[in-house]
Amino acid sequence: MAKKITAQIKLYVPAGQANPAPPVGPALGQHGVNIMMFCKQFNEQTKGKEGLILPAIITVYEDKSFSFIVKSPPSSILIKRAANLAKASGQAGKEKIATITTKQVQEIAKQKMQDLNTSDIEKAINIIKGSARSMGIEVIEENEKT
């Protein structure tokens, strides 16, 4: 028989850097989850992805045990990393602050494919292009780059 689920928690945690401090500790502590066990498992599973902020969906069961799934990083973080930016434009429609190539967009789309709501790579690329456009980042063809 399956365990009864008491809560589902979604956290954004830096890869390999989960610790009992906020936001992890309070979010898990209120459900009675062993915080250190989660931190050790999360850090082990995300080794090698340092520098990225990863969403984790934690399912808490009635007996205080838990399981979690680590998703791919948000598109905005991957786009900012490809464009070498610290933050996106404050005026996305009016101000273009950077450019990325279609090849970079394709790589991001491949990385995000499992978490997007499409199985078609062309539609995934369009989703990423839309995210970039809303951040004030222009997508250009490789041969246009100067």
C-alpha atoms as a PDB file:
ATOM      1  CA  MET A   1       0.000   0.000   0.000  1.00  0.00           C
ATOM      2  CA  ALA A   2       1.250   3.480  -0.854  1.00  0.00           C
ATOM      3  CA  LYS A   3       2.219   5.898   1.880  1.00  0.00           C
ATOM      4  CA  LYS A   4      -0.180   8.746   2.577  1.00  0.00           C
ATOM      5  CA  ILE A   5       1.146  12.127   1.428  1.00  0.00           C
ATOM      6  CA  THR A   6       0.784  14.960   3.940  1.00  0.00           C
ATOM      7  CA  ALA A   7       2.537  17.796   2.066  1.00  0.00           C
ATOM      8  CA  GLN A   8       4.344  18.810  -1.090  1.00  0.00           C
ATOM      9  CA  ILE A   9       6.964  21.528  -0.778  1.00  0.00           C
ATOM     10  CA  LYS A  10       8.645  23.346  -3.669  1.00  0.00           C
ATOM     11  CA  LEU A  11      11.981  24.997  -2.881  1.00  0.00           C
ATOM     12  CA  TYR A  12      14.632  26.742  -4.955  1.00  0.00           C
ATOM     13  CA  VAL A  13      18.001  25.697  -3.547  1.00  0.00           C
ATOM     14  CA  PRO A  14      21.533  26.381  -4.835  1.00  0.00           C
ATOM     15  CA  ALA A  15      23.032  23.127  -6.123  1.00  0.00           C
ATOM     16  CA  GLY A  16      25.276  21.407  -3.592  1.00  0.00           C
ATOM     17  CA  GLN A  17      24.611  24.072  -0.954  1.00  0.00           C
ATOM     18  CA  ALA A  18      21.494  22.947   0.911  1.00  0.00           C
ATOM     19  CA  ASN A  19      21.760  23.667   4.632  1.00  0.00           C
ATOM     20  CA  PRO A  20      19.336  23.940   7.585  1.00  0.00           C
ATOM     21  CA  ALA A  21      19.239  27.746   7.333  1.00  0.00           C
ATOM     22  CA  PRO A  22      16.229  29.442   5.686  1.00  0.00           C
ATOM     23  CA  PRO A  23      14.549  28.679   3.322  1.00  0.00           C
ATOM     24  CA  VAL A  24      15.212  24.927   3.705  1.00  0.00           C
ATOM     25  CA  GLY A  25      15.063  24.532   7.498  1.00  0.00           C
ATOM     26  CA  PRO A  26      11.769  26.294   8.244  1.00  0.00           C
ATOM     27  CA  ALA A  27       9.982  24.833   5.207  1.00  0.00           C
ATOM     28  CA  LEU A  28      10.885  21.243   6.113  1.00  0.00           C
ATOM     29  CA  GLY A  29      10.849  21.663   9.900  1.00  0.00           C
ATOM     30  CA  GLN A  30       7.182  22.590  10.050  1.00  0.00           C
ATOM     31  CA  HIS A  31       6.366  19.214   8.472  1.00  0.00           C
ATOM     32  CA  GLY A  32       8.650  17.243  10.785  1.00  0.00           C
ATOM     33  CA  VAL A  33      11.122  16.204   8.080  1.00  0.00           C
ATOM     34  CA  ASN A  34      14.713  15.300   9.000  1.00  0.00           C
ATOM     35  CA  ILE A  35      16.377  18.451   7.624  1.00  0.00           C
ATOM     36  CA  MET A  36      19.971  17.193   7.714  1.00  0.00           C
ATOM     37  CA  MET A  37      19.046  14.007   5.851  1.00  0.00           C
ATOM     38  CA  PHE A  38      17.429  16.081   3.099  1.00  0.00           C
ATOM     39  CA  CYS A  39      20.442  18.417   2.906  1.00  0.00           C
ATOM     40  CA  LYS A  40      22.909  15.520   2.592  1.00  0.00           C
ATOM     41  CA  GLN A  41      20.835  13.745  -0.077  1.00  0.00           C
ATOM     42  CA  PHE A  42      20.194  16.946  -2.050  1.00  0.00           C
ATOM     43  CA  ASN A  43      23.859  18.007  -1.976  1.00  0.00           C
ATOM     44  CA  GLU A  44      24.970  14.526  -3.068  1.00  0.00           C
ATOM     45  CA  GLN A  45      22.465  14.438  -5.940  1.00  0.00           C
ATOM     46  CA  THR A  46      23.365  17.932  -7.210  1.00  0.00           C
ATOM     47  CA  LYS A  47      27.147  17.579  -7.071  1.00  0.00           C
ATOM     48  CA  GLY A  48      28.757  19.027 -10.199  1.00  0.00           C
ATOM     49  CA  LYS A  49      25.968  21.549 -10.853  1.00  0.00           C
ATOM     50  CA  GLU A  50      27.354  24.192  -8.475  1.00  0.00           C
ATOM     51  CA  GLY A  51      26.351  27.752  -9.289  1.00  0.00           C
ATOM     52  CA  LEU A  52      22.851  26.857 -10.446  1.00  0.00           C
ATOM     53  CA  ILE A  53      19.683  27.334  -8.423  1.00  0.00           C
ATOM     54  CA  LEU A  54      17.615  24.175  -8.756  1.00  0.00           C
ATOM     55  CA  PRO A  55      13.935  23.664  -7.965  1.00  0.00           C
ATOM     56  CA  ALA A  56      13.269  20.681  -5.703  1.00  0.00           C
ATOM     57  CA  ILE A  57       9.806  19.219  -5.166  1.00  0.00           C
ATOM     58  CA  ILE A  58       9.711  17.453  -1.812  1.00  0.00           C
ATOM     59  CA  THR A  59       6.903  15.041  -0.996  1.00  0.00           C
ATOM     60  CA  VAL A  60       6.371  14.522   2.741  1.00  0.00           C
ATOM     61  CA  TYR A  61       4.606  11.363   3.916  1.00  0.00           C
ATOM     62  CA  GLU A  62       2.525  10.671   7.024  1.00  0.00           C
ATOM     63  CA  ASP A  63       5.393   8.824   8.772  1.00  0.00           C
ATOM     64  CA  LYS A  64       7.633  11.962   8.329  1.00  0.00           C
ATOM     65  CA  SER A  65       9.686  10.299   5.597  1.00  0.00           C
ATOM     66  CA  PHE A  66      10.177  12.149   2.322  1.00  0.00           C
ATOM     67  CA  SER A  67      11.164  11.850  -1.303  1.00  0.00           C
ATOM     68  CA  PHE A  68      12.231  14.603  -3.656  1.00  0.00           C
ATOM     69  CA  ILE A  69      12.704  15.347  -7.337  1.00  0.00           C
ATOM     70  CA  VAL A  70      15.274  17.849  -8.576  1.00  0.00           C
ATOM     71  CA  LYS A  71      14.142  19.685 -11.694  1.00  0.00           C
ATOM     72  CA  SER A  72      16.277  21.513 -14.253  1.00  0.00           C
ATOM     73  CA  PRO A  73      17.197  25.151 -13.493  1.00  0.00           C
ATOM     74  CA  PRO A  74      14.714  27.888 -14.449  1.00  0.00           C
ATOM     75  CA  SER A  75      15.035  29.103 -18.054  1.00  0.00           C
ATOM     76  CA  SER A  76      15.797  32.643 -16.920  1.00  0.00           C
ATOM     77  CA  ILE A  77      18.904  31.501 -15.026  1.00  0.00           C
ATOM     78  CA  LEU A  78      20.178  29.527 -18.028  1.00  0.00           C
ATOM     79  CA  ILE A  79      19.500  32.454 -20.379  1.00  0.00           C
ATOM     80  CA  LYS A  80      21.292  34.936 -18.093  1.00  0.00           C
ATOM     81  CA  ARG A  81      24.248  32.552 -17.852  1.00  0.00           C
ATOM     82  CA  ALA A  82      24.414  32.232 -21.671  1.00  0.00           C
ATOM     83  CA  ALA A  83      24.309  36.044 -22.050  1.00  0.00           C
ATOM     84  CA  ASN A  84      26.781  36.624 -19.172  1.00  0.00           C
ATOM     85  CA  LEU A  85      24.318  38.832 -17.276  1.00  0.00           C
ATOM     86  CA  ALA A  86      23.709  39.307 -13.564  1.00  0.00           C
ATOM     87  CA  LYS A  87      20.077  40.353 -14.065  1.00  0.00           C
ATOM     88  CA  ALA A  88      17.556  40.879 -16.831  1.00  0.00           C
ATOM     89  CA  SER A  89      16.333  44.185 -18.256  1.00  0.00           C
ATOM     90  CA  GLY A  90      13.941  46.285 -16.204  1.00  0.00           C
ATOM     91  CA  GLN A  91      12.285  47.505 -19.422  1.00  0.00           C
ATOM     92  CA  ALA A  92      12.135  44.356 -21.529  1.00  0.00           C
ATOM     93  CA  GLY A  93       9.958  45.689 -24.345  1.00  0.00           C
ATOM     94  CA  LYS A  94      11.957  48.869 -24.854  1.00  0.00           C
ATOM     95  CA  GLU A  95      15.507  48.022 -23.899  1.00  0.00           C
ATOM     96  CA  LYS A  96      17.665  45.224 -25.348  1.00  0.00           C
ATOM     97  CA  ILE A  97      20.526  44.564 -22.948  1.00  0.00           C
ATOM     98  CA  ALA A  98      22.182  41.518 -24.506  1.00  0.00           C
ATOM     99  CA  THR A  99      22.094  38.967 -27.307  1.00  0.00           C
ATOM    100  CA  ILE A 100      22.312  35.199 -27.411  1.00  0.00           C
ATOM    101  CA  THR A 101      22.592  32.951 -30.449  1.00  0.00           C
ATOM    102  CA  THR A 102      20.045  30.456 -31.687  1.00  0.00           C
ATOM    103  CA  LYS A 103      22.595  27.721 -30.941  1.00  0.00           C
ATOM    104  CA  GLN A 104      22.653  28.781 -27.258  1.00  0.00           C
ATOM    105  CA  VAL A 105      18.838  28.820 -27.232  1.00  0.00           C
ATOM    106  CA  GLN A 106      18.818  25.309 -28.695  1.00  0.00           C
ATOM    107  CA  GLU A 107      21.191  24.057 -25.964  1.00  0.00           C
ATOM    108  CA  ILE A 108      18.985  25.601 -23.250  1.00  0.00           C
ATOM    109  CA  ALA A 109      15.876  24.055 -24.839  1.00  0.00           C
ATOM    110  CA  LYS A 110      17.516  20.602 -24.851  1.00  0.00           C
ATOM    111  CA  GLN A 111      18.453  20.984 -21.191  1.00  0.00           C
ATOM    112  CA  LYS A 112      14.915  22.131 -20.233  1.00  0.00           C
ATOM    113  CA  MET A 113      13.081  19.622 -22.452  1.00  0.00           C
ATOM    114  CA  GLN A 114      12.037  17.275 -19.623  1.00  0.00           C
ATOM    115  CA  ASP A 115      10.383  20.118 -17.659  1.00  0.00           C
ATOM    116  CA  LEU A 116       8.643  21.905 -20.546  1.00  0.00           C
ATOM    117  CA  ASN A 117       5.097  21.090 -21.579  1.00  0.00           C
ATOM    118  CA  THR A 118       6.068  20.000 -25.078  1.00  0.00           C
ATOM    119  CA  SER A 119       7.964  17.125 -26.644  1.00  0.00           C
ATOM    120  CA  ASP A 120       8.768  19.021 -29.876  1.00  0.00           C
ATOM    121  CA  ILE A 121      12.230  20.640 -29.886  1.00  0.00           C
ATOM    122  CA  GLU A 122      11.087  23.486 -32.184  1.00  0.00           C
ATOM    123  CA  LYS A 123       8.290  24.436 -29.781  1.00  0.00           C
ATOM    124  CA  ALA A 124      10.724  24.213 -26.858  1.00  0.00           C
ATOM    125  CA  ILE A 125      13.075  26.603 -28.687  1.00  0.00           C
ATOM    126  CA  ASN A 126      10.175  29.033 -29.187  1.00  0.00           C
ATOM    127  CA  ILE A 127       9.372  28.870 -25.455  1.00  0.00           C
ATOM    128  CA  ILE A 128      12.992  29.740 -24.584  1.00  0.00           C
ATOM    129  CA  LYS A 129      13.058  32.526 -27.215  1.00  0.00           C
ATOM    130  CA  GLY A 130       9.924  33.999 -25.629  1.00  0.00           C
ATOM    131  CA  SER A 131      11.516  33.897 -22.185  1.00  0.00           C
ATOM    132  CA  ALA A 132      14.632  35.635 -23.538  1.00  0.00           C
ATOM    133  CA  ARG A 133      12.524  38.293 -25.280  1.00  0.00           C
ATOM    134  CA  SER A 134      10.635  39.008 -22.053  1.00  0.00           C
ATOM    135  CA  MET A 135      13.989  39.502 -20.296  1.00  0.00           C
ATOM    136  CA  GLY A 136      15.193  42.091 -22.840  1.00  0.00           C
ATOM    137  CA  ILE A 137      17.580  39.680 -24.550  1.00  0.00           C
ATOM    138  CA  GLU A 138      17.661  39.452 -28.335  1.00  0.00           C
ATOM    139  CA  VAL A 139      18.081  36.085 -30.060  1.00  0.00           C
ATOM    140  CA  ILE A 140      20.206  36.273 -33.214  1.00  0.00           C
ATOM    141  CA  GLU A 141      21.466  33.803 -35.814  1.00  0.00           C
ATOM    142  CA  GLU A 142      25.090  32.678 -35.370  1.00  0.00           C
ATOM    143  CA  ASN A 143      26.282  34.354 -38.611  1.00  0.00           C
ATOM    144  CA  GLU A 144      24.795  37.746 -37.522  1.00  0.00           C
ATOM    145  CA  LYS A 145      27.008  37.897 -34.418  1.00  0.00           C
ATOM    146  CA  THR A 146      29.730  40.530 -34.631  1.00  0.00           C
END
